[in-house]
Structures are given as C-alpha cells and as structure tokens.
Amino acid sequence: MPLPFIPILLGAAALGSAAYGVKKGYDAYEDNEDANKVNDIANETIEDAKKLIEAHRKASGKALENLGEKKLFILNNEIKNLVDTIEKIKVKDSVGLEELSKFKIDKGEFDGLKEMSSFASSILGGVGAGAMGGALTAFGAYGATGLLASASTGTAIGVLHGAAATNATLAFLGGGSLAAGGLGVAGGTAVLGGLVAGPALAVIGFIASEKASALKDEAYANLSKAEKYAQELKTASVACDGIRRRADMFYRLLVRLGALAMPINEELFAIAQKYKDPSTGKADSEKFDTNERKVLFQSSAVLRAMKAVLDTPLLNEKGELTPESEKVVSEMASKTSELENQR
C-alpha cells in the first residue's frame, strides 16, 4: 500500500521548494537592499566631491577675476600717472646714480607701458570692469603684454573673451562662454593642469539609472568608479586652490606696489615742476640733487616691478601654474620690501 504516501511526499517536496523560493527571494531582496545602499554611498561620494570642487572652482575663478581687475586699475592709475610724470623729465644716463642705470625703463618698455595704460583706460571707460566677465579672468591668468600684443582698442574685449572661451581651464573656472554648462565644458571635459575632471560627472547619471535594478556586484563596481572620480575631483580641487593662492599673491603684491607708486609719483611730479624748463616743458634730471635722483630711481624701480608682475602669466595653455610666476612673485616681493624700506 505505498500509494497513499505519494501525495505526502509531493506535499513535502512542494513545501521544500516554496521554502527555497522564499529564501532566494529574501536573498534577492537583501542583495537589492545592499545594492541600493552601496549606490547611495557612491552618489554621496560624488556629490561631496562635486561640492568640494565647486567651492574651489568659484574661489579660484574669483581670484583670477579680481587680479584681472586690479591689473586694469594699476594700468589705468598708478602706471599711467607715473608714465605721464616721467615724460615731463629729460632723463640722462649721466644722472650720477648707479642704481638708476640698472632699473631704468628703456624706450621700448616705456612705450609698452603707455600702450597698456591707454588700453586699460579705453576698456574701463567703455564697458566698465564689472561687465567684462571672462575677459577679466583671462587678463588675470595671462601676461598683459602677450595677451594684448595683437589687440587694438576695438578688438581687445573680444580677444580677452576669446582667450577665456578657448582655454578649457579658464572655461572650467568660469571665465568663458563654454562654462555656461557648469562643470561640463567642451563636451563634458574640463582640463585642469592635465587632469580630466569633467567625465567624473557622468557617473552620477549612470548610478541613478542603475540604482533600482543593479545587482550587488554592479553596485560595488559603481562605488569603485565613484571613488576613482571623486579622487580626480579632489585632485582638481587642489589644483584650483593652487591657482587661487598664486592669484592672491599677485594681487597683494600689486596692492603694495600701487601704495608705493602713489607717493613716489607725487614727489616726482613736484620735482618735475620745480625744474621745468619753460622752453621745452621738461625738467632736466642732471639738475636733481641726490635725494631727488633717488625718487627718480624709485619711480623707475616701481614701474619695472609692476611691469614684471603684469607681464608674467600665472597659467600656461594646459592650465598649469607657470614656474616663472612663482619666481617673479618672490623676486618682486623682495624688491618691493627694499623700496618700502627706503621710504
């Protein structure tokens, strides 16, 4: 009589199968829960990195913009005033002060300063610094002479905007029209010191779309990608911070030089008026006494220092900080201290 046992056996098998199915279902549920948690961590990792680089991006972009505005101000005020005053003096090499021959601005440099100050005046008079946007960022990042070499008064704004828009780093920092898409620049790629930062943002959408159905191993793969991209963005944040610090150093140096230039120019102007020849309208430097010659030397020295700062680019075409900017800011800071001690 074995037949009655068959339904019992089948029922037992069915129960076992159901239990197995419940177990598998619970495992799948746990896997999905784990996957969701891991994907949440991946998203948070990227979001934190995004916030970090966004803060550094804005700070460095603003520092370059401030530097660009300060450069224009210095050109339109302190340099313009000193150039105008020195033009009232007939400077001779036999002035008798050894330091003057060392720091004397030659005709080419002097004419360059006149041209740059005229350029700054036309820009500020035409559009105002606040309306220049990315042009100021470009002016802060690059050397004034090189950037304006081919720019006439009518095309200067376009040249400056163009420099910002075509350089991926400046666009990334908010300097050009390509930055309109936020962190996604030039097709999603923002180059900062040779580092590709833009593609890191692509992982966010990928994780979000896969979140509901991702398996556990896929979720951990997402986390690995997120951690990699987050590290890239953190490295880019460090590069941004380096740009900000260098721009701030240049800005502070120009502030110090500007503070020196104002009283020096006032003294030199008074000296020029004292020795003014009515027939030529100029003062002969050979008539200056020792202290007056020192003021003439100081005017040349501060002009040369300001020109060195204005001419030195902070960034190269790859968006990397230039070695010469570090060297110049150190050398000019030392010379500025010397001039301050002489006052």
Protein backbone atom coordinates (compact mmCIF):
# COMPACT_ATOMS: atom_id res chain seq x y z
CA MET A 1 0.00 0.00 0.00
CA PRO A 2 2.70 2.59 -0.89
CA LEU A 3 0.48 4.80 -2.99
CA PRO A 4 -1.02 6.90 -0.17
CA PHE A 5 2.45 8.12 0.71
CA ILE A 6 2.98 9.72 -2.71
CA PRO A 7 0.83 12.85 -2.01
CA ILE A 8 2.61 13.29 1.29
CA LEU A 9 5.98 13.12 -0.40
CA LEU A 10 4.86 15.53 -3.10
CA GLY A 11 3.50 17.90 -0.49
CA ALA A 12 6.76 17.82 1.39
CA ALA A 13 8.67 18.48 -1.80
CA ALA A 14 6.38 21.39 -2.60
CA LEU A 15 6.90 22.89 0.84
CA GLY A 16 10.64 22.49 0.46
CA SER A 17 10.56 24.16 -2.92
CA ALA A 18 8.47 27.02 -1.56
CA ALA A 19 10.86 27.49 1.34
CA TYR A 20 13.76 27.52 -1.08
CA GLY A 21 11.94 30.08 -3.21
CA VAL A 22 11.27 32.27 -0.19
CA LYS A 23 14.94 32.01 0.76
CA LYS A 24 16.02 33.01 -2.75
CA GLY A 25 13.54 35.84 -2.75
CA TYR A 26 14.80 37.08 0.60
CA ASP A 27 18.40 36.84 -0.64
CA ALA A 28 17.45 38.83 -3.73
CA TYR A 29 15.74 41.41 -1.52
CA GLU A 30 18.84 41.69 0.66
CA ASP A 31 21.06 41.96 -2.41
CA ASN A 32 18.88 44.74 -3.78
CA GLU A 33 18.90 46.49 -0.43
CA ASP A 34 22.67 46.21 -0.27
CA ALA A 35 22.95 47.40 -3.86
CA ASN A 36 20.77 50.40 -3.10
CA LYS A 37 22.84 51.28 -0.03
CA VAL A 38 26.12 50.94 -1.90
CA ASN A 39 24.78 53.05 -4.79
CA ASP A 40 23.64 55.67 -2.28
CA ILE A 41 27.16 55.76 -0.87
CA ALA A 42 28.54 56.12 -4.43
CA ASN A 43 26.21 59.01 -5.14
CA GLU A 44 27.09 60.71 -1.85
CA THR A 45 30.79 60.26 -2.62
CA ILE A 46 30.39 62.03 -5.96
CA GLU A 47 28.12 64.74 -4.53
CA ASP A 48 30.62 65.56 -1.78
CA ALA A 49 33.44 65.75 -4.33
CA LYS A 50 31.28 67.94 -6.58
CA LYS A 51 30.60 70.38 -3.74
CA LEU A 52 34.30 70.50 -2.90
CA ILE A 53 35.47 71.27 -6.42
CA GLU A 54 32.63 73.72 -6.99
CA ALA A 55 33.75 75.74 -3.97
CA HIS A 56 37.40 75.69 -5.10
CA ARG A 57 36.41 76.43 -8.70
CA LYS A 58 34.45 79.52 -7.70
CA ALA A 59 37.18 80.74 -5.35
CA SER A 60 39.97 80.38 -7.92
CA GLY A 61 37.88 81.91 -10.69
CA LYS A 62 37.04 84.89 -8.49
CA ALA A 63 40.70 85.30 -7.50
CA LEU A 64 41.72 85.47 -11.18
CA GLU A 65 38.91 87.91 -11.91
CA ASN A 66 39.96 90.13 -9.00
CA LEU A 67 43.56 90.03 -10.22
CA GLY A 68 42.48 90.98 -13.75
CA GLU A 69 40.52 93.92 -12.38
CA LYS A 70 43.47 95.01 -10.22
CA LYS A 71 45.80 94.84 -13.24
CA LEU A 72 43.49 97.14 -15.20
CA PHE A 73 43.23 99.51 -12.24
CA ILE A 74 47.02 99.67 -11.81
CA LEU A 75 47.49 100.30 -15.52
CA ASN A 76 44.82 102.99 -15.62
CA ASN A 77 46.01 104.78 -12.48
CA GLU A 78 49.44 104.25 -10.92
CA ILE A 79 51.25 103.30 -14.12
CA LYS A 80 49.50 105.94 -16.21
CA ASN A 81 50.31 108.64 -13.64
CA LEU A 82 53.96 107.62 -13.33
CA VAL A 83 54.40 107.41 -17.10
CA ASP A 84 52.86 110.87 -17.52
CA THR A 85 55.17 112.31 -14.85
CA ILE A 86 58.34 110.67 -16.17
CA GLU A 87 57.55 112.05 -19.62
CA LYS A 88 57.90 115.51 -18.09
CA ILE A 89 61.54 114.73 -17.26
CA LYS A 90 64.54 114.64 -19.57
CA VAL A 91 66.38 111.65 -18.10
CA LYS A 92 70.08 111.36 -18.92
CA ASP A 93 72.33 108.36 -18.34
CA SER A 94 74.87 110.63 -16.68
CA VAL A 95 72.46 111.30 -13.84
CA GLY A 96 75.11 110.00 -11.45
CA LEU A 97 73.14 107.35 -9.63
CA GLU A 98 74.36 103.84 -10.32
CA GLU A 99 71.06 102.24 -9.34
CA LEU A 100 69.16 104.28 -11.94
CA SER A 101 71.03 102.77 -14.86
CA LYS A 102 70.19 99.32 -13.53
CA PHE A 103 66.47 99.97 -13.19
CA LYS A 104 65.95 102.50 -15.94
CA ILE A 105 62.96 101.67 -18.15
CA ASP A 106 64.12 101.63 -21.75
CA LYS A 107 62.11 103.29 -24.52
CA GLY A 108 60.52 100.04 -25.68
CA GLU A 109 59.35 99.13 -22.18
CA PHE A 110 58.16 102.67 -21.56
CA ASP A 111 56.18 102.78 -24.80
CA GLY A 112 54.71 99.38 -23.93
CA LEU A 113 53.54 100.68 -20.57
CA LYS A 114 51.98 103.71 -22.26
CA GLU A 115 50.15 101.50 -24.71
CA MET A 116 48.88 99.16 -21.98
CA SER A 117 47.70 102.03 -19.78
CA SER A 118 45.88 103.52 -22.76
CA PHE A 119 44.29 100.14 -23.44
CA ALA A 120 43.15 99.83 -19.82
CA SER A 121 41.69 103.32 -19.89
CA SER A 122 39.70 102.63 -23.06
CA ILE A 123 38.31 99.38 -21.66
CA LEU A 124 37.33 100.77 -18.29
CA GLY A 125 35.89 103.88 -19.90
CA GLY A 126 33.97 101.91 -22.48
CA VAL A 127 32.38 98.98 -20.68
CA GLY A 128 33.37 99.06 -17.04
CA ALA A 129 35.22 96.26 -15.29
CA GLY A 130 32.03 94.69 -13.94
CA ALA A 131 30.72 93.96 -17.45
CA MET A 132 33.80 92.14 -18.69
CA GLY A 133 33.16 88.75 -17.13
CA GLY A 134 35.52 86.18 -18.55
CA ALA A 135 37.77 88.84 -20.02
CA LEU A 136 38.93 89.76 -16.51
CA THR A 137 39.61 86.11 -15.74
CA ALA A 138 41.79 85.85 -18.84
CA PHE A 139 43.56 89.11 -18.01
CA GLY A 140 44.30 87.80 -14.53
CA ALA A 141 45.60 84.46 -15.82
CA TYR A 142 47.87 85.70 -18.58
CA GLY A 143 50.62 88.27 -19.06
CA ALA A 144 49.30 91.65 -20.13
CA THR A 145 51.82 92.32 -22.90
CA GLY A 146 51.44 88.95 -24.60
CA LEU A 147 47.67 88.97 -24.36
CA LEU A 148 47.29 92.47 -25.75
CA ALA A 149 50.07 92.37 -28.33
CA SER A 150 47.68 91.92 -31.24
CA ALA A 151 44.65 93.59 -29.72
CA SER A 152 43.63 97.03 -30.83
CA THR A 153 41.30 99.11 -28.71
CA GLY A 154 38.32 97.97 -30.76
CA THR A 155 39.03 94.25 -30.56
CA ALA A 156 40.61 93.96 -27.12
CA ILE A 157 37.46 92.81 -25.32
CA GLY A 158 36.87 90.16 -27.96
CA VAL A 159 40.45 88.95 -27.68
CA LEU A 160 40.20 88.65 -23.92
CA HIS A 161 36.85 86.89 -24.04
CA GLY A 162 38.19 84.61 -26.77
CA ALA A 163 41.19 83.66 -24.65
CA ALA A 164 38.89 82.63 -21.82
CA ALA A 165 36.46 80.75 -24.05
CA THR A 166 39.08 78.74 -25.89
CA ASN A 167 41.06 77.71 -22.84
CA ALA A 168 39.44 74.75 -21.11
CA THR A 169 40.84 75.63 -17.70
CA LEU A 170 39.57 79.22 -17.80
CA ALA A 171 36.21 77.99 -19.04
CA PHE A 172 36.15 75.49 -16.20
CA LEU A 173 36.91 78.25 -13.72
CA GLY A 174 34.02 80.29 -15.06
CA GLY A 175 35.88 82.54 -17.43
CA GLY A 176 34.35 81.84 -20.82
CA SER A 177 31.18 81.07 -22.69
CA LEU A 178 31.96 77.36 -22.61
CA ALA A 179 31.39 77.47 -18.87
CA ALA A 180 27.66 78.05 -19.40
CA GLY A 181 27.11 74.35 -18.88
CA GLY A 182 28.58 74.46 -15.39
CA LEU A 183 31.22 71.82 -14.80
CA GLY A 184 30.64 70.24 -18.19
CA VAL A 185 32.98 72.06 -20.54
CA ALA A 186 33.79 71.34 -24.19
CA GLY A 187 31.72 68.21 -24.45
CA GLY A 188 31.97 67.28 -20.79
CA THR A 189 35.74 67.59 -20.47
CA ALA A 190 37.43 70.21 -18.33
CA VAL A 191 41.21 70.10 -18.35
CA LEU A 192 42.88 71.40 -15.24
CA GLY A 193 46.63 71.01 -15.16
CA GLY A 194 46.43 67.98 -17.43
CA LEU A 195 43.71 66.37 -15.30
CA VAL A 196 40.44 65.42 -16.95
CA ALA A 197 37.78 66.35 -14.41
CA GLY A 198 34.60 66.57 -16.47
CA PRO A 199 33.87 62.85 -17.07
CA ALA A 200 33.60 62.32 -13.33
CA LEU A 201 30.16 63.84 -13.50
CA ALA A 202 28.93 61.25 -15.99
CA VAL A 203 28.99 58.55 -13.34
CA ILE A 204 26.16 60.26 -11.44
CA GLY A 205 23.56 59.65 -14.13
CA PHE A 206 24.78 56.11 -14.65
CA ILE A 207 24.41 55.25 -10.99
CA ALA A 208 20.97 56.82 -10.76
CA SER A 209 19.62 54.87 -13.73
CA GLU A 210 21.01 51.57 -12.49
CA LYS A 211 20.08 52.07 -8.86
CA ALA A 212 16.75 50.25 -8.84
CA SER A 213 17.87 47.08 -10.60
CA ALA A 214 21.62 46.89 -10.03
CA LEU A 215 22.98 43.66 -8.63
CA LYS A 216 25.34 43.70 -5.70
CA ASP A 217 28.50 43.31 -7.76
CA GLU A 218 27.38 46.08 -10.13
CA ALA A 219 26.73 48.35 -7.17
CA TYR A 220 30.25 47.81 -5.85
CA ALA A 221 31.59 48.46 -9.34
CA ASN A 222 29.68 51.75 -9.29
CA LEU A 223 31.20 52.61 -5.91
CA SER A 224 34.68 51.87 -7.21
CA LYS A 225 34.09 54.23 -10.17
CA ALA A 226 32.64 56.89 -7.88
CA GLU A 227 35.66 56.72 -5.57
CA LYS A 228 38.01 57.00 -8.54
CA TYR A 229 36.23 60.02 -9.97
CA ALA A 230 35.89 61.62 -6.56
CA GLN A 231 39.65 61.37 -6.10
CA GLU A 232 40.11 63.01 -9.51
CA LEU A 233 37.86 65.86 -8.49
CA LYS A 234 39.71 66.25 -5.19
CA THR A 235 43.00 66.45 -7.09
CA ALA A 236 41.46 69.09 -9.36
CA SER A 237 40.31 70.96 -6.25
CA VAL A 238 43.92 71.08 -5.04
CA ALA A 239 44.96 72.50 -8.43
CA CYS A 240 42.21 75.12 -8.20
CA ASP A 241 43.39 76.09 -4.74
CA GLY A 242 46.94 76.49 -6.02
CA ILE A 243 45.69 78.88 -8.73
CA ARG A 244 43.74 80.87 -6.15
CA ARG A 245 46.75 81.21 -3.84
CA ARG A 246 49.05 82.33 -6.66
CA ALA A 247 46.49 84.86 -7.93
CA ASP A 248 46.06 86.23 -4.40
CA MET A 249 49.83 86.61 -4.06
CA PHE A 250 49.98 88.63 -7.29
CA TYR A 251 47.02 90.73 -6.17
CA ARG A 252 48.59 91.57 -2.80
CA LEU A 253 51.89 92.40 -4.49
CA LEU A 254 50.16 94.83 -6.88
CA VAL A 255 48.40 96.44 -3.91
CA ARG A 256 51.77 97.02 -2.23
CA LEU A 257 53.33 98.39 -5.42
CA GLY A 258 50.34 100.64 -6.01
CA ALA A 259 50.66 102.01 -2.47
CA LEU A 260 54.33 102.79 -3.20
CA ALA A 261 53.67 104.34 -6.60
CA MET A 262 51.22 106.99 -5.38
CA PRO A 263 53.53 108.96 -3.03
CA ILE A 264 56.53 108.42 -5.32
CA ASN A 265 54.61 109.94 -8.20
CA GLU A 266 53.52 112.91 -6.10
CA GLU A 267 57.12 113.62 -5.11
CA LEU A 268 58.42 113.16 -8.65
CA PHE A 269 55.72 115.41 -10.08
CA ALA A 270 56.71 118.17 -7.62
CA ILE A 271 60.37 117.73 -8.62
CA ALA A 272 59.48 117.90 -12.32
CA GLN A 273 57.56 121.11 -11.75
CA LYS A 274 60.47 122.56 -9.74
CA TYR A 275 62.96 122.11 -12.60
CA LYS A 276 60.57 122.56 -15.51
CA ASP A 277 62.15 124.37 -18.47
CA PRO A 278 59.56 126.76 -19.95
CA SER A 279 61.01 126.37 -23.43
CA THR A 280 60.79 122.54 -23.51
CA GLY A 281 58.21 121.87 -20.83
CA LYS A 282 60.54 119.26 -19.33
CA ALA A 283 62.79 119.04 -16.30
CA ASP A 284 66.47 118.16 -16.72
CA SER A 285 67.42 115.25 -14.43
CA GLU A 286 71.03 116.48 -14.30
CA LYS A 287 69.83 119.32 -12.07
CA PHE A 288 68.36 116.97 -9.48
CA ASP A 289 70.08 116.63 -6.13
CA THR A 290 70.90 113.22 -4.63
CA ASN A 291 67.54 112.78 -2.88
CA GLU A 292 65.62 113.86 -5.97
CA ARG A 293 67.57 111.38 -8.07
CA LYS A 294 66.64 108.67 -5.59
CA VAL A 295 62.98 109.48 -6.13
CA LEU A 296 63.57 109.16 -9.88
CA PHE A 297 65.25 105.81 -9.27
CA GLN A 298 62.36 104.66 -7.12
CA SER A 299 59.84 105.61 -9.79
CA SER A 300 61.73 103.54 -12.35
CA ALA A 301 62.11 100.63 -9.95
CA VAL A 302 58.42 100.52 -9.01
CA LEU A 303 57.42 100.79 -12.68
CA ARG A 304 59.68 97.91 -13.61
CA ALA A 305 58.36 95.80 -10.73
CA MET A 306 54.75 96.45 -11.70
CA LYS A 307 55.52 95.66 -15.32
CA ALA A 308 57.15 92.37 -14.32
CA VAL A 309 54.05 91.36 -12.37
CA LEU A 310 51.70 92.42 -15.17
CA ASP A 311 53.72 90.63 -17.84
CA THR A 312 54.05 87.29 -16.06
CA PRO A 313 51.37 84.68 -16.87
CA LEU A 314 50.06 82.61 -13.97
CA LEU A 315 48.90 79.74 -16.19
CA ASN A 316 50.20 78.05 -19.32
CA GLU A 317 48.00 76.74 -22.14
CA LYS A 318 47.47 73.46 -20.27
CA GLY A 319 46.12 75.24 -17.23
CA GLU A 320 49.20 74.57 -15.12
CA LEU A 321 50.79 77.18 -12.88
CA THR A 322 53.89 78.58 -14.54
CA PRO A 323 57.27 78.30 -12.77
CA GLU A 324 58.09 81.90 -13.74
CA SER A 325 55.05 83.20 -11.84
CA GLU A 326 56.41 81.69 -8.62
CA LYS A 327 59.86 83.11 -9.33
CA VAL A 328 58.63 86.59 -10.25
CA VAL A 329 56.31 86.96 -7.28
CA SER A 330 59.19 86.02 -4.96
CA GLU A 331 61.71 88.36 -6.61
CA MET A 332 59.30 91.30 -6.89
CA ALA A 333 58.13 90.86 -3.30
CA SER A 334 61.77 91.17 -2.23
CA LYS A 335 62.32 94.29 -4.36
CA THR A 336 59.07 95.78 -3.07
CA SER A 337 60.28 95.29 0.51
CA GLU A 338 63.52 97.09 -0.38
CA LEU A 339 61.60 100.02 -1.84
CA GLU A 340 59.28 100.13 1.18
CA ASN A 341 62.32 100.28 3.49
CA GLN A 342 63.70 103.20 1.51
CA ARG A 343 60.57 105.26 2.01
